[in-house]
Amino acid sequence: MKIEYDPERDLLYIYFAEPEKKSAETITIKPGVHADFDKDGKLIGIEVIDASELMGKKIEFALPERTAVA
């Protein structure tokens, strides 16, 4: 998974596949939130337009730390 945020365009994109993967279909989840699917119907990404308005004024991500596997 990869997360990108463009503050100039206030655009957030969450990749669930490689960024090069092409979208075959886009479905609007709600105004400003779009889900992209590949040709097999697998979710490959979510785009949020005007992200700071939809998610709050401060865009932050906290991910859990990975623990070492013995």
PDB file of N, CA and C in Angstrom:
ATOM      1  N   MET A   1       0.854  -1.177   0.000  1.00  0.00           N
ATOM      2  CA  MET A   1       0.000   0.000   0.000  1.00  0.00           C
ATOM      3  C   MET A   1       0.898   1.239   0.000  1.00  0.00           C
ATOM      4  N   LYS A   2       0.489   2.237  -0.752  1.00  0.00           N
ATOM      5  CA  LYS A   2       1.228   3.494  -0.834  1.00  0.00           C
ATOM      6  C   LYS A   2       0.217   4.628  -0.707  1.00  0.00           C
ATOM      7  N   ILE A   3       0.578   5.653   0.058  1.00  0.00           N
ATOM      8  CA  ILE A   3      -0.305   6.811   0.247  1.00  0.00           C
ATOM      9  C   ILE A   3       0.427   8.052  -0.228  1.00  0.00           C
ATOM     10  N   GLU A   4      -0.227   8.832  -1.074  1.00  0.00           N
ATOM     11  CA  GLU A   4       0.339  10.095  -1.557  1.00  0.00           C
ATOM     12  C   GLU A   4      -0.644  11.223  -1.280  1.00  0.00           C
ATOM     13  N   TYR A   5      -0.097  12.361  -0.887  1.00  0.00           N
ATOM     14  CA  TYR A   5      -0.918  13.552  -0.688  1.00  0.00           C
ATOM     15  C   TYR A   5      -0.255  14.714  -1.409  1.00  0.00           C
ATOM     16  N   ASP A   6      -1.024  15.406  -2.230  1.00  0.00           N
ATOM     17  CA  ASP A   6      -0.548  16.582  -2.955  1.00  0.00           C
ATOM     18  C   ASP A   6      -1.210  17.807  -2.319  1.00  0.00           C
ATOM     19  N   PRO A   7      -0.467  18.567  -1.489  1.00  0.00           N
ATOM     20  CA  PRO A   7      -1.070  19.712  -0.807  1.00  0.00           C
ATOM     21  C   PRO A   7      -1.493  20.840  -1.745  1.00  0.00           C
ATOM     22  N   GLU A   8      -0.827  20.976  -2.893  1.00  0.00           N
ATOM     23  CA  GLU A   8      -1.209  22.036  -3.842  1.00  0.00           C
ATOM     24  C   GLU A   8      -2.593  21.787  -4.429  1.00  0.00           C
ATOM     25  N   ARG A   9      -2.872  20.532  -4.753  1.00  0.00           N
ATOM     26  CA  ARG A   9      -4.171  20.173  -5.321  1.00  0.00           C
ATOM     27  C   ARG A   9      -5.132  19.644  -4.262  1.00  0.00           C
ATOM     28  N   ASP A  10      -4.625  19.479  -3.021  1.00  0.00           N
ATOM     29  CA  ASP A  10      -5.411  18.923  -1.909  1.00  0.00           C
ATOM     30  C   ASP A  10      -6.020  17.591  -2.313  1.00  0.00           C
ATOM     31  N   LEU A  11      -5.164  16.729  -2.873  1.00  0.00           N
ATOM     32  CA  LEU A  11      -5.576  15.447  -3.419  1.00  0.00           C
ATOM     33  C   LEU A  11      -4.855  14.327  -2.682  1.00  0.00           C
ATOM     34  N   LEU A  12      -5.612  13.369  -2.188  1.00  0.00           N
ATOM     35  CA  LEU A  12      -5.069  12.208  -1.498  1.00  0.00           C
ATOM     36  C   LEU A  12      -5.345  10.977  -2.344  1.00  0.00           C
ATOM     37  N   TYR A  13      -4.339  10.115  -2.511  1.00  0.00           N
ATOM     38  CA  TYR A  13      -4.533   8.868  -3.235  1.00  0.00           C
ATOM     39  C   TYR A  13      -3.925   7.732  -2.439  1.00  0.00           C
ATOM     40  N   ILE A  14      -4.699   6.678  -2.256  1.00  0.00           N
ATOM     41  CA  ILE A  14      -4.239   5.482  -1.561  1.00  0.00           C
ATOM     42  C   ILE A  14      -4.165   4.365  -2.595  1.00  0.00           C
ATOM     43  N   TYR A  15      -2.947   3.855  -2.811  1.00  0.00           N
ATOM     44  CA  TYR A  15      -2.716   2.779  -3.772  1.00  0.00           C
ATOM     45  C   TYR A  15      -2.781   1.432  -3.049  1.00  0.00           C
ATOM     46  N   PHE A  16      -3.555   0.504  -3.583  1.00  0.00           N
ATOM     47  CA  PHE A  16      -3.587  -0.857  -3.077  1.00  0.00           C
ATOM     48  C   PHE A  16      -2.901  -1.812  -4.045  1.00  0.00           C
ATOM     49  N   ALA A  17      -2.417  -1.277  -5.144  1.00  0.00           N
ATOM     50  CA  ALA A  17      -1.671  -2.031  -6.152  1.00  0.00           C
ATOM     51  C   ALA A  17      -0.500  -1.152  -6.574  1.00  0.00           C
ATOM     52  N   GLU A  18       0.324  -1.640  -7.447  1.00  0.00           N
ATOM     53  CA  GLU A  18       1.439  -0.850  -7.955  1.00  0.00           C
ATOM     54  C   GLU A  18       0.891   0.397  -8.652  1.00  0.00           C
ATOM     55  N   PRO A  19       1.528   1.555  -8.457  1.00  0.00           N
ATOM     56  CA  PRO A  19       1.024   2.794  -9.080  1.00  0.00           C
ATOM     57  C   PRO A  19       0.893   2.733 -10.597  1.00  0.00           C
ATOM     58  N   GLU A  20       1.652   1.855 -11.251  1.00  0.00           N
ATOM     59  CA  GLU A  20       1.581   1.737 -12.710  1.00  0.00           C
ATOM     60  C   GLU A  20       0.318   1.021 -13.180  1.00  0.00           C
ATOM     61  N   LYS A  21      -0.342   0.315 -12.273  1.00  0.00           N
ATOM     62  CA  LYS A  21      -1.534  -0.472 -12.638  1.00  0.00           C
ATOM     63  C   LYS A  21      -2.630   0.465 -13.138  1.00  0.00           C
ATOM     64  N   LYS A  22      -3.211   0.131 -14.265  1.00  0.00           N
ATOM     65  CA  LYS A  22      -4.227   0.972 -14.897  1.00  0.00           C
ATOM     66  C   LYS A  22      -5.621   0.675 -14.352  1.00  0.00           C
ATOM     67  N   SER A  23      -6.381   1.733 -14.190  1.00  0.00           N
ATOM     68  CA  SER A  23      -7.767   1.608 -13.755  1.00  0.00           C
ATOM     69  C   SER A  23      -8.650   1.308 -14.960  1.00  0.00           C
ATOM     70  N   ALA A  24      -9.546   0.328 -14.808  1.00  0.00           N
ATOM     71  CA  ALA A  24     -10.503   0.003 -15.864  1.00  0.00           C
ATOM     72  C   ALA A  24     -11.866   0.593 -15.559  1.00  0.00           C
ATOM     73  N   GLU A  25     -12.108   0.891 -14.275  1.00  0.00           N
ATOM     74  CA  GLU A  25     -13.408   1.438 -13.867  1.00  0.00           C
ATOM     75  C   GLU A  25     -13.219   2.289 -12.618  1.00  0.00           C
ATOM     76  N   THR A  26     -13.915   3.411 -12.565  1.00  0.00           N
ATOM     77  CA  THR A  26     -13.911   4.276 -11.395  1.00  0.00           C
ATOM     78  C   THR A  26     -15.346   4.453 -10.929  1.00  0.00           C
ATOM     79  N   ILE A  27     -15.559   4.242  -9.640  1.00  0.00           N
ATOM     80  CA  ILE A  27     -16.883   4.388  -9.046  1.00  0.00           C
ATOM     81  C   ILE A  27     -16.829   5.500  -8.011  1.00  0.00           C
ATOM     82  N   THR A  28     -17.787   6.417  -8.061  1.00  0.00           N
ATOM     83  CA  THR A  28     -17.880   7.477  -7.064  1.00  0.00           C
ATOM     84  C   THR A  28     -18.543   6.903  -5.819  1.00  0.00           C
ATOM     85  N   ILE A  29     -17.811   6.910  -4.714  1.00  0.00           N
ATOM     86  CA  ILE A  29     -18.315   6.400  -3.444  1.00  0.00           C
ATOM     87  C   ILE A  29     -19.225   7.443  -2.800  1.00  0.00           C
ATOM     88  N   LYS A  30     -18.745   8.676  -2.810  1.00  0.00           N
ATOM     89  CA  LYS A  30     -19.514   9.845  -2.398  1.00  0.00           C
ATOM     90  C   LYS A  30     -18.840  11.020  -3.076  1.00  0.00           C
ATOM     91  N   PRO A  31     -19.467  12.188  -3.141  1.00  0.00           N
ATOM     92  CA  PRO A  31     -18.828  13.308  -3.844  1.00  0.00           C
ATOM     93  C   PRO A  31     -17.403  13.554  -3.323  1.00  0.00           C
ATOM     94  N   GLY A  32     -16.454  13.513  -4.239  1.00  0.00           N
ATOM     95  CA  GLY A  32     -15.057  13.747  -3.897  1.00  0.00           C
ATOM     96  C   GLY A  32     -14.280  12.506  -3.503  1.00  0.00           C
ATOM     97  N   VAL A  33     -14.925  11.349  -3.436  1.00  0.00           N
ATOM     98  CA  VAL A  33     -14.241  10.099  -3.093  1.00  0.00           C
ATOM     99  C   VAL A  33     -14.531   9.078  -4.190  1.00  0.00           C
ATOM    100  N   HIS A  34     -13.458   8.609  -4.829  1.00  0.00           N
ATOM    101  CA  HIS A  34     -13.591   7.713  -5.972  1.00  0.00           C
ATOM    102  C   HIS A  34     -12.751   6.462  -5.763  1.00  0.00           C
ATOM    103  N   ALA A  35     -13.308   5.314  -6.128  1.00  0.00           N
ATOM    104  CA  ALA A  35     -12.603   4.041  -6.038  1.00  0.00           C
ATOM    105  C   ALA A  35     -12.262   3.564  -7.442  1.00  0.00           C
ATOM    106  N   ASP A  36     -11.003   3.180  -7.635  1.00  0.00           N
ATOM    107  CA  ASP A  36     -10.531   2.670  -8.927  1.00  0.00           C
ATOM    108  C   ASP A  36     -10.389   1.157  -8.852  1.00  0.00           C
ATOM    109  N   PHE A  37     -10.845   0.484  -9.930  1.00  0.00           N
ATOM    110  CA  PHE A  37     -10.784  -0.964 -10.014  1.00  0.00           C
ATOM    111  C   PHE A  37     -10.058  -1.374 -11.284  1.00  0.00           C
ATOM    112  N   ASP A  38      -9.347  -2.508 -11.223  1.00  0.00           N
ATOM    113  CA  ASP A  38      -8.676  -3.006 -12.420  1.00  0.00           C
ATOM    114  C   ASP A  38      -9.670  -3.788 -13.286  1.00  0.00           C
ATOM    115  N   LYS A  39      -9.184  -4.354 -14.374  1.00  0.00           N
ATOM    116  CA  LYS A  39     -10.058  -5.073 -15.314  1.00  0.00           C
ATOM    117  C   LYS A  39     -10.697  -6.314 -14.709  1.00  0.00           C
ATOM    118  N   ASP A  40     -10.128  -6.824 -13.611  1.00  0.00           N
ATOM    119  CA  ASP A  40     -10.677  -8.001 -12.934  1.00  0.00           C
ATOM    120  C   ASP A  40     -11.613  -7.629 -11.788  1.00  0.00           C
ATOM    121  N   GLY A  41     -11.866  -6.325 -11.604  1.00  0.00           N
ATOM    122  CA  GLY A  41     -12.762  -5.867 -10.545  1.00  0.00           C
ATOM    123  C   GLY A  41     -12.105  -5.732  -9.186  1.00  0.00           C
ATOM    124  N   LYS A  42     -10.768  -5.802  -9.137  1.00  0.00           N
ATOM    125  CA  LYS A  42     -10.038  -5.681  -7.876  1.00  0.00           C
ATOM    126  C   LYS A  42      -9.783  -4.202  -7.567  1.00  0.00           C
ATOM    127  N   LEU A  43     -10.023  -3.804  -6.320  1.00  0.00           N
ATOM    128  CA  LEU A  43      -9.772  -2.426  -5.899  1.00  0.00           C
ATOM    129  C   LEU A  43      -8.278  -2.143  -5.974  1.00  0.00           C
ATOM    130  N   ILE A  44      -7.908  -1.103  -6.725  1.00  0.00           N
ATOM    131  CA  ILE A  44      -6.491  -0.759  -6.845  1.00  0.00           C
ATOM    132  C   ILE A  44      -6.156   0.595  -6.226  1.00  0.00           C
ATOM    133  N   GLY A  45      -7.184   1.417  -5.924  1.00  0.00           N
ATOM    134  CA  GLY A  45      -6.884   2.706  -5.319  1.00  0.00           C
ATOM    135  C   GLY A  45      -8.122   3.495  -4.961  1.00  0.00           C
ATOM    136  N   ILE A  46      -7.917   4.453  -4.059  1.00  0.00           N
ATOM    137  CA  ILE A  46      -8.974   5.377  -3.652  1.00  0.00           C
ATOM    138  C   ILE A  46      -8.425   6.789  -3.759  1.00  0.00           C
ATOM    139  N   GLU A  47      -9.189   7.653  -4.417  1.00  0.00           N
ATOM    140  CA  GLU A  47      -8.815   9.055  -4.581  1.00  0.00           C
ATOM    141  C   GLU A  47      -9.773   9.920  -3.765  1.00  0.00           C
ATOM    142  N   VAL A  48      -9.201  10.866  -3.024  1.00  0.00           N
ATOM    143  CA  VAL A  48     -10.014  11.800  -2.246  1.00  0.00           C
ATOM    144  C   VAL A  48      -9.677  13.204  -2.729  1.00  0.00           C
ATOM    145  N   ILE A  49     -10.663  13.872  -3.327  1.00  0.00           N
ATOM    146  CA  ILE A  49     -10.506  15.242  -3.817  1.00  0.00           C
ATOM    147  C   ILE A  49     -10.925  16.195  -2.701  1.00  0.00           C
ATOM    148  N   ASP A  50     -10.222  17.324  -2.556  1.00  0.00           N
ATOM    149  CA  ASP A  50     -10.452  18.257  -1.444  1.00  0.00           C
ATOM    150  C   ASP A  50     -10.330  17.505  -0.119  1.00  0.00           C
ATOM    151  N   ALA A  51      -9.221  16.785   0.011  1.00  0.00           N
ATOM    152  CA  ALA A  51      -9.012  15.885   1.145  1.00  0.00           C
ATOM    153  C   ALA A  51      -9.077  16.600   2.490  1.00  0.00           C
ATOM    154  N   SER A  52      -8.522  17.806   2.589  1.00  0.00           N
ATOM    155  CA  SER A  52      -8.521  18.493   3.885  1.00  0.00           C
ATOM    156  C   SER A  52      -9.932  18.859   4.331  1.00  0.00           C
ATOM    157  N   GLU A  53     -10.824  19.093   3.368  1.00  0.00           N
ATOM    158  CA  GLU A  53     -12.213  19.391   3.725  1.00  0.00           C
ATOM    159  C   GLU A  53     -12.941  18.130   4.184  1.00  0.00           C
ATOM    160  N   LEU A  54     -12.677  17.022   3.511  1.00  0.00           N
ATOM    161  CA  LEU A  54     -13.360  15.780   3.857  1.00  0.00           C
ATOM    162  C   LEU A  54     -12.783  15.113   5.103  1.00  0.00           C
ATOM    163  N   MET A  55     -11.467  15.278   5.339  1.00  0.00           N
ATOM    164  CA  MET A  55     -10.817  14.557   6.427  1.00  0.00           C
ATOM    165  C   MET A  55     -10.420  15.452   7.591  1.00  0.00           C
ATOM    166  N   GLY A  56     -10.636  16.743   7.493  1.00  0.00           N
ATOM    167  CA  GLY A  56     -10.175  17.665   8.520  1.00  0.00           C
ATOM    168  C   GLY A  56      -9.042  18.498   7.957  1.00  0.00           C
ATOM    169  N   LYS A  57      -8.718  19.567   8.608  1.00  0.00           N
ATOM    170  CA  LYS A  57      -7.735  20.508   8.064  1.00  0.00           C
ATOM    171  C   LYS A  57      -6.304  19.989   8.079  1.00  0.00           C
ATOM    172  N   LYS A  58      -5.982  19.047   8.928  1.00  0.00           N
ATOM    173  CA  LYS A  58      -4.622  18.539   8.997  1.00  0.00           C
ATOM    174  C   LYS A  58      -4.592  17.097   8.507  1.00  0.00           C
ATOM    175  N   ILE A  59      -3.796  16.842   7.489  1.00  0.00           N
ATOM    176  CA  ILE A  59      -3.681  15.495   6.940  1.00  0.00           C
ATOM    177  C   ILE A  59      -2.469  14.829   7.581  1.00  0.00           C
ATOM    178  N   GLU A  60      -2.697  13.793   8.355  1.00  0.00           N
ATOM    179  CA  GLU A  60      -1.618  13.044   9.001  1.00  0.00           C
ATOM    180  C   GLU A  60      -1.919  11.566   8.897  1.00  0.00           C
ATOM    181  N   PHE A  61      -0.861  10.771   8.879  1.00  0.00           N
ATOM    182  CA  PHE A  61      -1.010   9.326   8.883  1.00  0.00           C
ATOM    183  C   PHE A  61      -0.084   8.752   9.917  1.00  0.00           C
ATOM    184  N   ALA A  62      -0.610   7.878  10.743  1.00  0.00           N
ATOM    185  CA  ALA A  62       0.203   7.144  11.702  1.00  0.00           C
ATOM    186  C   ALA A  62      -0.003   5.667  11.426  1.00  0.00           C
ATOM    187  N   LEU A  63       1.077   5.000  11.123  1.00  0.00           N
ATOM    188  CA  LEU A  63       1.004   3.580  10.849  1.00  0.00           C
ATOM    189  C   LEU A  63       1.700   2.825  11.974  1.00  0.00           C
ATOM    190  N   PRO A  64       1.197   1.663  12.320  1.00  0.00           N
ATOM    191  CA  PRO A  64       1.839   0.903  13.393  1.00  0.00           C
ATOM    192  C   PRO A  64       3.238   0.463  12.968  1.00  0.00           C
ATOM    193  N   GLU A  65       4.125   0.402  13.933  1.00  0.00           N
ATOM    194  CA  GLU A  65       5.483  -0.059  13.652  1.00  0.00           C
ATOM    195  C   GLU A  65       5.462  -1.560  13.447  1.00  0.00           C
ATOM    196  N   ARG A  66       6.318  -2.008  12.583  1.00  0.00           N
ATOM    197  CA  ARG A  66       6.433  -3.449  12.339  1.00  0.00           C
ATOM    198  C   ARG A  66       7.302  -4.060  13.423  1.00  0.00           C
ATOM    199  N   THR A  67       6.918  -5.198  13.888  1.00  0.00           N
ATOM    200  CA  THR A  67       7.729  -5.905  14.866  1.00  0.00           C
ATOM    201  C   THR A  67       8.590  -6.919  14.143  1.00  0.00           C
ATOM    202  N   ALA A  68       9.745  -7.141  14.685  1.00  0.00           N
ATOM    203  CA  ALA A  68      10.679  -8.086  14.068  1.00  0.00           C
ATOM    204  C   ALA A  68      10.152  -9.507  14.245  1.00  0.00           C
ATOM    205  N   VAL A  69      10.300 -10.284  13.206  1.00  0.00           N
ATOM    206  CA  VAL A  69       9.896 -11.690  13.235  1.00  0.00           C
ATOM    207  C   VAL A  69      11.143 -12.527  13.345  1.00  0.00           C
ATOM    208  N   ALA A  70      11.171 -13.390  14.326  1.00  0.00           N
ATOM    209  CA  ALA A  70      12.362 -14.213  14.552  1.00  0.00           C
ATOM    210  C   ALA A  70      12.415 -15.397  13.630  1.00  0.00           C
TER     211      ALA A  70
END
